[in-house]
mmCIF file of all heavy atoms, coordinates in Angstrom:
data_MODEL
# 
_entry.id   MODEL 
# 
loop_
_atom_site.group_PDB 
_atom_site.id 
_atom_site.type_symbol 
_atom_site.label_atom_id 
_atom_site.label_alt_id 
_atom_site.label_comp_id 
_atom_site.label_asym_id 
_atom_site.label_entity_id 
_atom_site.label_seq_id 
_atom_site.pdbx_PDB_ins_code 
_atom_site.Cartn_x 
_atom_site.Cartn_y 
_atom_site.Cartn_z 
_atom_site.occupancy 
_atom_site.B_iso_or_equiv 
_atom_site.pdbx_formal_charge 
_atom_site.auth_seq_id 
_atom_site.auth_comp_id 
_atom_site.auth_asym_id 
_atom_site.auth_atom_id 
_atom_site.pdbx_PDB_model_num 
ATOM 1   N N   . LEU A 1 1  ? -38.885 -30.977 77.322 1.00 0.00 ? 1  LEU A N   1 
ATOM 2   C CA  . LEU A 1 1  ? -38.765 -32.438 77.239 1.00 0.00 ? 1  LEU A CA  1 
ATOM 3   C C   . LEU A 1 1  ? -37.291 -32.815 77.841 1.00 0.00 ? 1  LEU A C   1 
ATOM 4   O O   . LEU A 1 1  ? -37.324 -34.005 78.505 1.00 0.00 ? 1  LEU A O   1 
ATOM 5   C CB  . LEU A 1 1  ? -38.754 -32.931 75.721 1.00 0.00 ? 1  LEU A CB  1 
ATOM 6   C CG  . LEU A 1 1  ? -39.934 -32.703 74.958 1.00 0.00 ? 1  LEU A CG  1 
ATOM 7   C CD1 . LEU A 1 1  ? -39.913 -33.068 73.474 1.00 0.00 ? 1  LEU A CD1 1 
ATOM 8   C CD2 . LEU A 1 1  ? -41.102 -33.736 75.606 1.00 0.00 ? 1  LEU A CD2 1 
ATOM 9   N N   . GLN A 1 2  ? -36.354 -32.058 77.632 1.00 0.00 ? 2  GLN A N   1 
ATOM 10  C CA  . GLN A 1 2  ? -35.089 -32.416 78.365 1.00 0.00 ? 2  GLN A CA  1 
ATOM 11  C C   . GLN A 1 2  ? -35.229 -32.352 79.856 1.00 0.00 ? 2  GLN A C   1 
ATOM 12  O O   . GLN A 1 2  ? -34.617 -33.248 80.617 1.00 0.00 ? 2  GLN A O   1 
ATOM 13  C CB  . GLN A 1 2  ? -33.924 -31.480 77.867 1.00 0.00 ? 2  GLN A CB  1 
ATOM 14  C CG  . GLN A 1 2  ? -33.581 -31.625 76.379 1.00 0.00 ? 2  GLN A CG  1 
ATOM 15  C CD  . GLN A 1 2  ? -33.003 -32.939 76.170 1.00 0.00 ? 2  GLN A CD  1 
ATOM 16  O OE1 . GLN A 1 2  ? -33.518 -33.991 75.805 1.00 0.00 ? 2  GLN A OE1 1 
ATOM 17  N NE2 . GLN A 1 2  ? -31.518 -32.917 76.294 1.00 0.00 ? 2  GLN A NE2 1 
ATOM 18  N N   . TYR A 1 3  ? -35.831 -31.356 80.290 1.00 0.00 ? 3  TYR A N   1 
ATOM 19  C CA  . TYR A 1 3  ? -36.103 -31.292 81.741 1.00 0.00 ? 3  TYR A CA  1 
ATOM 20  C C   . TYR A 1 3  ? -36.822 -32.522 82.363 1.00 0.00 ? 3  TYR A C   1 
ATOM 21  O O   . TYR A 1 3  ? -36.462 -32.986 83.466 1.00 0.00 ? 3  TYR A O   1 
ATOM 22  C CB  . TYR A 1 3  ? -36.945 -29.907 81.998 1.00 0.00 ? 3  TYR A CB  1 
ATOM 23  C CG  . TYR A 1 3  ? -37.149 -29.772 83.539 1.00 0.00 ? 3  TYR A CG  1 
ATOM 24  C CD1 . TYR A 1 3  ? -36.316 -29.265 84.452 1.00 0.00 ? 3  TYR A CD1 1 
ATOM 25  C CD2 . TYR A 1 3  ? -38.455 -30.149 84.074 1.00 0.00 ? 3  TYR A CD2 1 
ATOM 26  C CE1 . TYR A 1 3  ? -36.507 -28.945 85.719 1.00 0.00 ? 3  TYR A CE1 1 
ATOM 27  C CE2 . TYR A 1 3  ? -38.815 -30.079 85.304 1.00 0.00 ? 3  TYR A CE2 1 
ATOM 28  C CZ  . TYR A 1 3  ? -37.801 -29.483 86.235 1.00 0.00 ? 3  TYR A CZ  1 
ATOM 29  O OH  . TYR A 1 3  ? -38.101 -29.278 87.507 1.00 0.00 ? 3  TYR A OH  1 
ATOM 30  N N   . LEU A 1 4  ? -37.732 -32.996 81.665 1.00 0.00 ? 4  LEU A N   1 
ATOM 31  C CA  . LEU A 1 4  ? -38.493 -34.110 82.117 1.00 0.00 ? 4  LEU A CA  1 
ATOM 32  C C   . LEU A 1 4  ? -37.796 -35.422 81.802 1.00 0.00 ? 4  LEU A C   1 
ATOM 33  O O   . LEU A 1 4  ? -38.238 -36.484 82.297 1.00 0.00 ? 4  LEU A O   1 
ATOM 34  C CB  . LEU A 1 4  ? -39.854 -34.049 81.342 1.00 0.00 ? 4  LEU A CB  1 
ATOM 35  C CG  . LEU A 1 4  ? -40.879 -33.002 81.782 1.00 0.00 ? 4  LEU A CG  1 
ATOM 36  C CD1 . LEU A 1 4  ? -42.147 -33.057 81.084 1.00 0.00 ? 4  LEU A CD1 1 
ATOM 37  C CD2 . LEU A 1 4  ? -41.109 -33.123 83.286 1.00 0.00 ? 4  LEU A CD2 1 
ATOM 38  N N   . GLY A 1 5  ? -36.790 -35.397 81.022 1.00 0.00 ? 5  GLY A N   1 
ATOM 39  C CA  . GLY A 1 5  ? -35.941 -36.616 80.753 1.00 0.00 ? 5  GLY A CA  1 
ATOM 40  C C   . GLY A 1 5  ? -36.682 -37.532 79.823 1.00 0.00 ? 5  GLY A C   1 
ATOM 41  O O   . GLY A 1 5  ? -36.492 -38.754 79.855 1.00 0.00 ? 5  GLY A O   1 
ATOM 42  N N   . ARG A 1 6  ? -37.622 -37.115 78.938 1.00 0.00 ? 6  ARG A N   1 
ATOM 43  C CA  . ARG A 1 6  ? -38.358 -37.850 78.000 1.00 0.00 ? 6  ARG A CA  1 
ATOM 44  C C   . ARG A 1 6  ? -37.762 -37.991 76.633 1.00 0.00 ? 6  ARG A C   1 
ATOM 45  O O   . ARG A 1 6  ? -37.008 -37.120 76.286 1.00 0.00 ? 6  ARG A O   1 
ATOM 46  C CB  . ARG A 1 6  ? -39.811 -37.303 77.797 1.00 0.00 ? 6  ARG A CB  1 
ATOM 47  C CG  . ARG A 1 6  ? -40.626 -37.083 79.079 1.00 0.00 ? 6  ARG A CG  1 
ATOM 48  C CD  . ARG A 1 6  ? -40.828 -38.381 79.834 1.00 0.00 ? 6  ARG A CD  1 
ATOM 49  N NE  . ARG A 1 6  ? -41.500 -38.347 81.061 1.00 0.00 ? 6  ARG A NE  1 
ATOM 50  C CZ  . ARG A 1 6  ? -42.514 -38.865 81.382 1.00 0.00 ? 6  ARG A CZ  1 
ATOM 51  N NH1 . ARG A 1 6  ? -43.052 -39.693 80.470 1.00 0.00 ? 6  ARG A NH1 1 
ATOM 52  N NH2 . ARG A 1 6  ? -43.124 -38.815 82.620 1.00 0.00 ? 6  ARG A NH2 1 
ATOM 53  N N   . LYS A 1 7  ? -37.931 -39.096 76.073 1.00 0.00 ? 7  LYS A N   1 
ATOM 54  C CA  . LYS A 1 7  ? -37.220 -39.519 74.859 1.00 0.00 ? 7  LYS A CA  1 
ATOM 55  C C   . LYS A 1 7  ? -38.387 -40.158 73.943 1.00 0.00 ? 7  LYS A C   1 
ATOM 56  O O   . LYS A 1 7  ? -38.441 -41.455 73.807 1.00 0.00 ? 7  LYS A O   1 
ATOM 57  C CB  . LYS A 1 7  ? -36.186 -40.526 75.033 1.00 0.00 ? 7  LYS A CB  1 
ATOM 58  C CG  . LYS A 1 7  ? -34.884 -39.869 75.832 1.00 0.00 ? 7  LYS A CG  1 
ATOM 59  C CD  . LYS A 1 7  ? -33.884 -40.863 76.004 1.00 0.00 ? 7  LYS A CD  1 
ATOM 60  C CE  . LYS A 1 7  ? -32.668 -40.263 76.684 1.00 0.00 ? 7  LYS A CE  1 
ATOM 61  N NZ  . LYS A 1 7  ? -31.613 -41.104 76.990 1.00 0.00 ? 7  LYS A NZ  1 
ATOM 62  N N   . PRO A 1 8  ? -39.186 -39.371 73.369 1.00 0.00 ? 8  PRO A N   1 
ATOM 63  C CA  . PRO A 1 8  ? -40.208 -39.861 72.509 1.00 0.00 ? 8  PRO A CA  1 
ATOM 64  C C   . PRO A 1 8  ? -39.822 -40.531 71.249 1.00 0.00 ? 8  PRO A C   1 
ATOM 65  O O   . PRO A 1 8  ? -38.792 -40.180 70.645 1.00 0.00 ? 8  PRO A O   1 
ATOM 66  C CB  . PRO A 1 8  ? -41.087 -38.729 72.167 1.00 0.00 ? 8  PRO A CB  1 
ATOM 67  C CG  . PRO A 1 8  ? -40.042 -37.570 72.207 1.00 0.00 ? 8  PRO A CG  1 
ATOM 68  C CD  . PRO A 1 8  ? -39.130 -37.804 73.346 1.00 0.00 ? 8  PRO A CD  1 
ATOM 69  N N   . GLY A 1 9  ? -40.553 -41.658 70.877 1.00 0.00 ? 9  GLY A N   1 
ATOM 70  C CA  . GLY A 1 9  ? -40.181 -42.431 69.675 1.00 0.00 ? 9  GLY A CA  1 
ATOM 71  C C   . GLY A 1 9  ? -40.937 -42.203 68.561 1.00 0.00 ? 9  GLY A C   1 
ATOM 72  O O   . GLY A 1 9  ? -40.651 -42.430 67.322 1.00 0.00 ? 9  GLY A O   1 
ATOM 73  N N   . ARG A 1 10 ? -42.225 -41.719 68.806 1.00 0.00 ? 10 ARG A N   1 
ATOM 74  C CA  . ARG A 1 10 ? -43.236 -41.413 67.739 1.00 0.00 ? 10 ARG A CA  1 
ATOM 75  C C   . ARG A 1 10 ? -43.834 -39.992 68.188 1.00 0.00 ? 10 ARG A C   1 
ATOM 76  O O   . ARG A 1 10 ? -44.407 -39.853 69.143 1.00 0.00 ? 10 ARG A O   1 
ATOM 77  C CB  . ARG A 1 10 ? -44.250 -42.407 67.509 1.00 0.00 ? 10 ARG A CB  1 
ATOM 78  C CG  . ARG A 1 10 ? -43.844 -43.853 67.266 1.00 0.00 ? 10 ARG A CG  1 
ATOM 79  C CD  . ARG A 1 10 ? -44.874 -44.853 67.636 1.00 0.00 ? 10 ARG A CD  1 
ATOM 80  N NE  . ARG A 1 10 ? -45.077 -44.862 69.106 1.00 0.00 ? 10 ARG A NE  1 
ATOM 81  C CZ  . ARG A 1 10 ? -46.131 -45.613 69.660 1.00 0.00 ? 10 ARG A CZ  1 
ATOM 82  N NH1 . ARG A 1 10 ? -46.899 -46.342 68.801 1.00 0.00 ? 10 ARG A NH1 1 
ATOM 83  N NH2 . ARG A 1 10 ? -46.333 -45.442 70.948 1.00 0.00 ? 10 ARG A NH2 1 
ATOM 84  N N   . ILE A 1 11 ? -43.657 -39.079 67.089 1.00 0.00 ? 11 ILE A N   1 
ATOM 85  C CA  . ILE A 1 11 ? -44.219 -37.707 67.485 1.00 0.00 ? 11 ILE A CA  1 
ATOM 86  C C   . ILE A 1 11 ? -45.102 -37.229 66.208 1.00 0.00 ? 11 ILE A C   1 
ATOM 87  O O   . ILE A 1 11 ? -44.825 -37.325 65.039 1.00 0.00 ? 11 ILE A O   1 
ATOM 88  C CB  . ILE A 1 11 ? -42.859 -36.842 67.452 1.00 0.00 ? 11 ILE A CB  1 
ATOM 89  C CG1 . ILE A 1 11 ? -41.858 -37.247 68.507 1.00 0.00 ? 11 ILE A CG1 1 
ATOM 90  C CG2 . ILE A 1 11 ? -43.290 -35.352 67.747 1.00 0.00 ? 11 ILE A CG2 1 
ATOM 91  C CD1 . ILE A 1 11 ? -40.623 -36.468 68.599 1.00 0.00 ? 11 ILE A CD1 1 
ATOM 92  N N   . LEU A 1 12 ? -46.188 -36.464 66.709 1.00 0.00 ? 12 LEU A N   1 
ATOM 93  C CA  . LEU A 1 12 ? -46.971 -35.606 65.756 1.00 0.00 ? 12 LEU A CA  1 
ATOM 94  C C   . LEU A 1 12 ? -46.985 -34.221 66.212 1.00 0.00 ? 12 LEU A C   1 
ATOM 95  O O   . LEU A 1 12 ? -47.154 -33.942 67.436 1.00 0.00 ? 12 LEU A O   1 
ATOM 96  C CB  . LEU A 1 12 ? -48.347 -36.317 65.888 1.00 0.00 ? 12 LEU A CB  1 
ATOM 97  C CG  . LEU A 1 12 ? -49.498 -35.352 65.223 1.00 0.00 ? 12 LEU A CG  1 
ATOM 98  C CD1 . LEU A 1 12 ? -49.337 -35.192 63.751 1.00 0.00 ? 12 LEU A CD1 1 
ATOM 99  C CD2 . LEU A 1 12 ? -50.855 -35.900 65.457 1.00 0.00 ? 12 LEU A CD2 1 
ATOM 100 N N   . GLU A 1 13 ? -46.581 -33.397 65.293 1.00 0.00 ? 13 GLU A N   1 
ATOM 101 C CA  . GLU A 1 13 ? -46.756 -31.965 65.516 1.00 0.00 ? 13 GLU A CA  1 
ATOM 102 C C   . GLU A 1 13 ? -47.805 -31.298 64.710 1.00 0.00 ? 13 GLU A C   1 
ATOM 103 O O   . GLU A 1 13 ? -47.826 -31.516 63.465 1.00 0.00 ? 13 GLU A O   1 
ATOM 104 C CB  . GLU A 1 13 ? -45.368 -31.163 65.323 1.00 0.00 ? 13 GLU A CB  1 
ATOM 105 C CG  . GLU A 1 13 ? -45.452 -29.646 65.542 1.00 0.00 ? 13 GLU A CG  1 
ATOM 106 C CD  . GLU A 1 13 ? -44.295 -28.915 65.444 1.00 0.00 ? 13 GLU A CD  1 
ATOM 107 O OE1 . GLU A 1 13 ? -43.221 -29.549 64.921 1.00 0.00 ? 13 GLU A OE1 1 
ATOM 108 O OE2 . GLU A 1 13 ? -44.176 -27.793 65.896 1.00 0.00 ? 13 GLU A OE2 1 
ATOM 109 N N   . ILE A 1 14 ? -48.770 -30.657 65.319 1.00 0.00 ? 14 ILE A N   1 
ATOM 110 C CA  . ILE A 1 14 ? -49.816 -29.986 64.727 1.00 0.00 ? 14 ILE A CA  1 
ATOM 111 C C   . ILE A 1 14 ? -49.405 -28.494 64.539 1.00 0.00 ? 14 ILE A C   1 
ATOM 112 O O   . ILE A 1 14 ? -49.236 -27.827 65.588 1.00 0.00 ? 14 ILE A O   1 
ATOM 113 C CB  . ILE A 1 14 ? -51.061 -30.213 65.508 1.00 0.00 ? 14 ILE A CB  1 
ATOM 114 C CG1 . ILE A 1 14 ? -51.346 -31.578 65.655 1.00 0.00 ? 14 ILE A CG1 1 
ATOM 115 C CG2 . ILE A 1 14 ? -52.248 -29.388 64.858 1.00 0.00 ? 14 ILE A CG2 1 
ATOM 116 C CD1 . ILE A 1 14 ? -52.377 -32.085 66.641 1.00 0.00 ? 14 ILE A CD1 1 
ATOM 117 N N   . GLY A 1 15 ? -49.509 -27.913 63.416 1.00 0.00 ? 15 GLY A N   1 
ATOM 118 C CA  . GLY A 1 15 ? -48.872 -26.582 63.165 1.00 0.00 ? 15 GLY A CA  1 
ATOM 119 C C   . GLY A 1 15 ? -47.369 -26.660 63.112 1.00 0.00 ? 15 GLY A C   1 
ATOM 120 O O   . GLY A 1 15 ? -46.664 -25.844 63.679 1.00 0.00 ? 15 GLY A O   1 
ATOM 121 N N   . CYS A 1 16 ? -46.827 -27.576 62.162 1.00 0.00 ? 16 CYS A N   1 
ATOM 122 C CA  . CYS A 1 16 ? -45.471 -27.809 62.117 1.00 0.00 ? 16 CYS A CA  1 
ATOM 123 C C   . CYS A 1 16 ? -44.706 -26.970 61.252 1.00 0.00 ? 16 CYS A C   1 
ATOM 124 O O   . CYS A 1 16 ? -43.511 -27.049 61.107 1.00 0.00 ? 16 CYS A O   1 
ATOM 125 C CB  . CYS A 1 16 ? -45.393 -29.330 61.757 1.00 0.00 ? 16 CYS A CB  1 
ATOM 126 S SG  . CYS A 1 16 ? -45.816 -29.702 59.956 1.00 0.00 ? 16 CYS A SG  1 
ATOM 127 N N   . ALA A 1 17 ? -45.395 -26.044 60.476 1.00 0.00 ? 17 ALA A N   1 
ATOM 128 C CA  . ALA A 1 17 ? -44.637 -25.242 59.401 1.00 0.00 ? 17 ALA A CA  1 
ATOM 129 C C   . ALA A 1 17 ? -43.972 -26.268 58.358 1.00 0.00 ? 17 ALA A C   1 
ATOM 130 O O   . ALA A 1 17 ? -44.726 -27.186 57.956 1.00 0.00 ? 17 ALA A O   1 
ATOM 131 C CB  . ALA A 1 17 ? -43.656 -24.357 59.902 1.00 0.00 ? 17 ALA A CB  1 
ATOM 132 N N   . ASN A 1 18 ? -42.733 -26.107 58.098 1.00 0.00 ? 18 ASN A N   1 
ATOM 133 C CA  . ASN A 1 18 ? -42.123 -27.057 57.273 1.00 0.00 ? 18 ASN A CA  1 
ATOM 134 C C   . ASN A 1 18 ? -41.400 -28.302 57.908 1.00 0.00 ? 18 ASN A C   1 
ATOM 135 O O   . ASN A 1 18 ? -40.826 -28.951 57.297 1.00 0.00 ? 18 ASN A O   1 
ATOM 136 C CB  . ASN A 1 18 ? -40.994 -26.298 56.479 1.00 0.00 ? 18 ASN A CB  1 
ATOM 137 C CG  . ASN A 1 18 ? -39.759 -25.898 57.300 1.00 0.00 ? 18 ASN A CG  1 
ATOM 138 O OD1 . ASN A 1 18 ? -39.892 -25.836 58.561 1.00 0.00 ? 18 ASN A OD1 1 
ATOM 139 N ND2 . ASN A 1 18 ? -38.744 -25.606 56.646 1.00 0.00 ? 18 ASN A ND2 1 
ATOM 140 N N   . GLY A 1 19 ? -41.719 -28.363 59.245 1.00 0.00 ? 19 GLY A N   1 
ATOM 141 C CA  . GLY A 1 19 ? -41.273 -29.543 59.905 1.00 0.00 ? 19 GLY A CA  1 
ATOM 142 C C   . GLY A 1 19 ? -39.864 -29.298 60.601 1.00 0.00 ? 19 GLY A C   1 
ATOM 143 O O   . GLY A 1 19 ? -39.264 -30.255 60.946 1.00 0.00 ? 19 GLY A O   1 
ATOM 144 N N   . TRP A 1 20 ? -39.317 -28.158 60.733 1.00 0.00 ? 20 TRP A N   1 
ATOM 145 C CA  . TRP A 1 20 ? -38.010 -27.930 61.237 1.00 0.00 ? 20 TRP A CA  1 
ATOM 146 C C   . TRP A 1 20 ? -37.772 -28.499 62.568 1.00 0.00 ? 20 TRP A C   1 
ATOM 147 O O   . TRP A 1 20 ? -36.767 -29.066 62.779 1.00 0.00 ? 20 TRP A O   1 
ATOM 148 C CB  . TRP A 1 20 ? -37.823 -26.363 61.276 1.00 0.00 ? 20 TRP A CB  1 
ATOM 149 C CG  . TRP A 1 20 ? -38.550 -25.641 62.171 1.00 0.00 ? 20 TRP A CG  1 
ATOM 150 C CD1 . TRP A 1 20 ? -39.732 -25.055 62.167 1.00 0.00 ? 20 TRP A CD1 1 
ATOM 151 C CD2 . TRP A 1 20 ? -38.251 -25.502 63.659 1.00 0.00 ? 20 TRP A CD2 1 
ATOM 152 N NE1 . TRP A 1 20 ? -40.152 -24.534 63.474 1.00 0.00 ? 20 TRP A NE1 1 
ATOM 153 C CE2 . TRP A 1 20 ? -39.266 -24.754 64.299 1.00 0.00 ? 20 TRP A CE2 1 
ATOM 154 C CE3 . TRP A 1 20 ? -37.009 -25.826 64.488 1.00 0.00 ? 20 TRP A CE3 1 
ATOM 155 C CZ2 . TRP A 1 20 ? -39.217 -24.394 65.718 1.00 0.00 ? 20 TRP A CZ2 1 
ATOM 156 C CZ3 . TRP A 1 20 ? -37.018 -25.592 65.758 1.00 0.00 ? 20 TRP A CZ3 1 
ATOM 157 C CH2 . TRP A 1 20 ? -38.093 -24.763 66.373 1.00 0.00 ? 20 TRP A CH2 1 
ATOM 158 N N   . ARG A 1 21 ? -38.780 -28.362 63.465 1.00 0.00 ? 21 ARG A N   1 
ATOM 159 C CA  . ARG A 1 21 ? -38.676 -28.942 64.885 1.00 0.00 ? 21 ARG A CA  1 
ATOM 160 C C   . ARG A 1 21 ? -38.703 -30.344 64.845 1.00 0.00 ? 21 ARG A C   1 
ATOM 161 O O   . ARG A 1 21 ? -37.857 -31.100 65.417 1.00 0.00 ? 21 ARG A O   1 
ATOM 162 C CB  . ARG A 1 21 ? -39.827 -28.304 65.694 1.00 0.00 ? 21 ARG A CB  1 
ATOM 163 C CG  . ARG A 1 21 ? -39.723 -28.941 67.048 1.00 0.00 ? 21 ARG A CG  1 
ATOM 164 C CD  . ARG A 1 21 ? -40.838 -28.604 67.993 1.00 0.00 ? 21 ARG A CD  1 
ATOM 165 N NE  . ARG A 1 21 ? -40.707 -27.100 68.515 1.00 0.00 ? 21 ARG A NE  1 
ATOM 166 C CZ  . ARG A 1 21 ? -41.687 -26.215 68.084 1.00 0.00 ? 21 ARG A CZ  1 
ATOM 167 N NH1 . ARG A 1 21 ? -42.626 -26.581 67.263 1.00 0.00 ? 21 ARG A NH1 1 
ATOM 168 N NH2 . ARG A 1 21 ? -41.481 -25.026 68.573 1.00 0.00 ? 21 ARG A NH2 1 
ATOM 169 N N   . LEU A 1 22 ? -39.546 -31.011 63.968 1.00 0.00 ? 22 LEU A N   1 
ATOM 170 C CA  . LEU A 1 22 ? -39.673 -32.433 63.823 1.00 0.00 ? 22 LEU A CA  1 
ATOM 171 C C   . LEU A 1 22 ? -38.449 -32.963 63.264 1.00 0.00 ? 22 LEU A C   1 
ATOM 172 O O   . LEU A 1 22 ? -37.902 -34.105 63.825 1.00 0.00 ? 22 LEU A O   1 
ATOM 173 C CB  . LEU A 1 22 ? -40.765 -32.769 62.858 1.00 0.00 ? 22 LEU A CB  1 
ATOM 174 C CG  . LEU A 1 22 ? -42.214 -32.640 63.486 1.00 0.00 ? 22 LEU A CG  1 
ATOM 175 C CD1 . LEU A 1 22 ? -43.285 -32.859 62.452 1.00 0.00 ? 22 LEU A CD1 1 
ATOM 176 C CD2 . LEU A 1 22 ? -42.567 -33.526 64.698 1.00 0.00 ? 22 LEU A CD2 1 
ATOM 177 N N   . ALA A 1 23 ? -37.763 -32.379 62.264 1.00 0.00 ? 23 ALA A N   1 
ATOM 178 C CA  . ALA A 1 23 ? -36.626 -32.889 61.636 1.00 0.00 ? 23 ALA A CA  1 
ATOM 179 C C   . ALA A 1 23 ? -35.458 -33.047 62.736 1.00 0.00 ? 23 ALA A C   1 
ATOM 180 O O   . ALA A 1 23 ? -34.691 -33.998 62.844 1.00 0.00 ? 23 ALA A O   1 
ATOM 181 C CB  . ALA A 1 23 ? -36.076 -31.912 60.519 1.00 0.00 ? 23 ALA A CB  1 
ATOM 182 N N   . GLN A 1 24 ? -35.327 -31.962 63.443 1.00 0.00 ? 24 GLN A N   1 
ATOM 183 C CA  . GLN A 1 24 ? -34.325 -31.996 64.646 1.00 0.00 ? 24 GLN A CA  1 
ATOM 184 C C   . GLN A 1 24 ? -34.627 -32.877 65.764 1.00 0.00 ? 24 GLN A C   1 
ATOM 185 O O   . GLN A 1 24 ? -33.692 -33.596 66.203 1.00 0.00 ? 24 GLN A O   1 
ATOM 186 C CB  . GLN A 1 24 ? -34.119 -30.499 65.127 1.00 0.00 ? 24 GLN A CB  1 
ATOM 187 C CG  . GLN A 1 24 ? -33.479 -29.740 64.057 1.00 0.00 ? 24 GLN A CG  1 
ATOM 188 C CD  . GLN A 1 24 ? -33.266 -28.229 64.493 1.00 0.00 ? 24 GLN A CD  1 
ATOM 189 O OE1 . GLN A 1 24 ? -32.560 -28.031 65.542 1.00 0.00 ? 24 GLN A OE1 1 
ATOM 190 N NE2 . GLN A 1 24 ? -33.826 -27.320 63.837 1.00 0.00 ? 24 GLN A NE2 1 
# 
């Protein structure tokens, strides 16, 4: 995402475990 320069405002993660990636 950083390489592409994208800044998403609404995110869905499928297979998120406890949401560690989403939280960050």
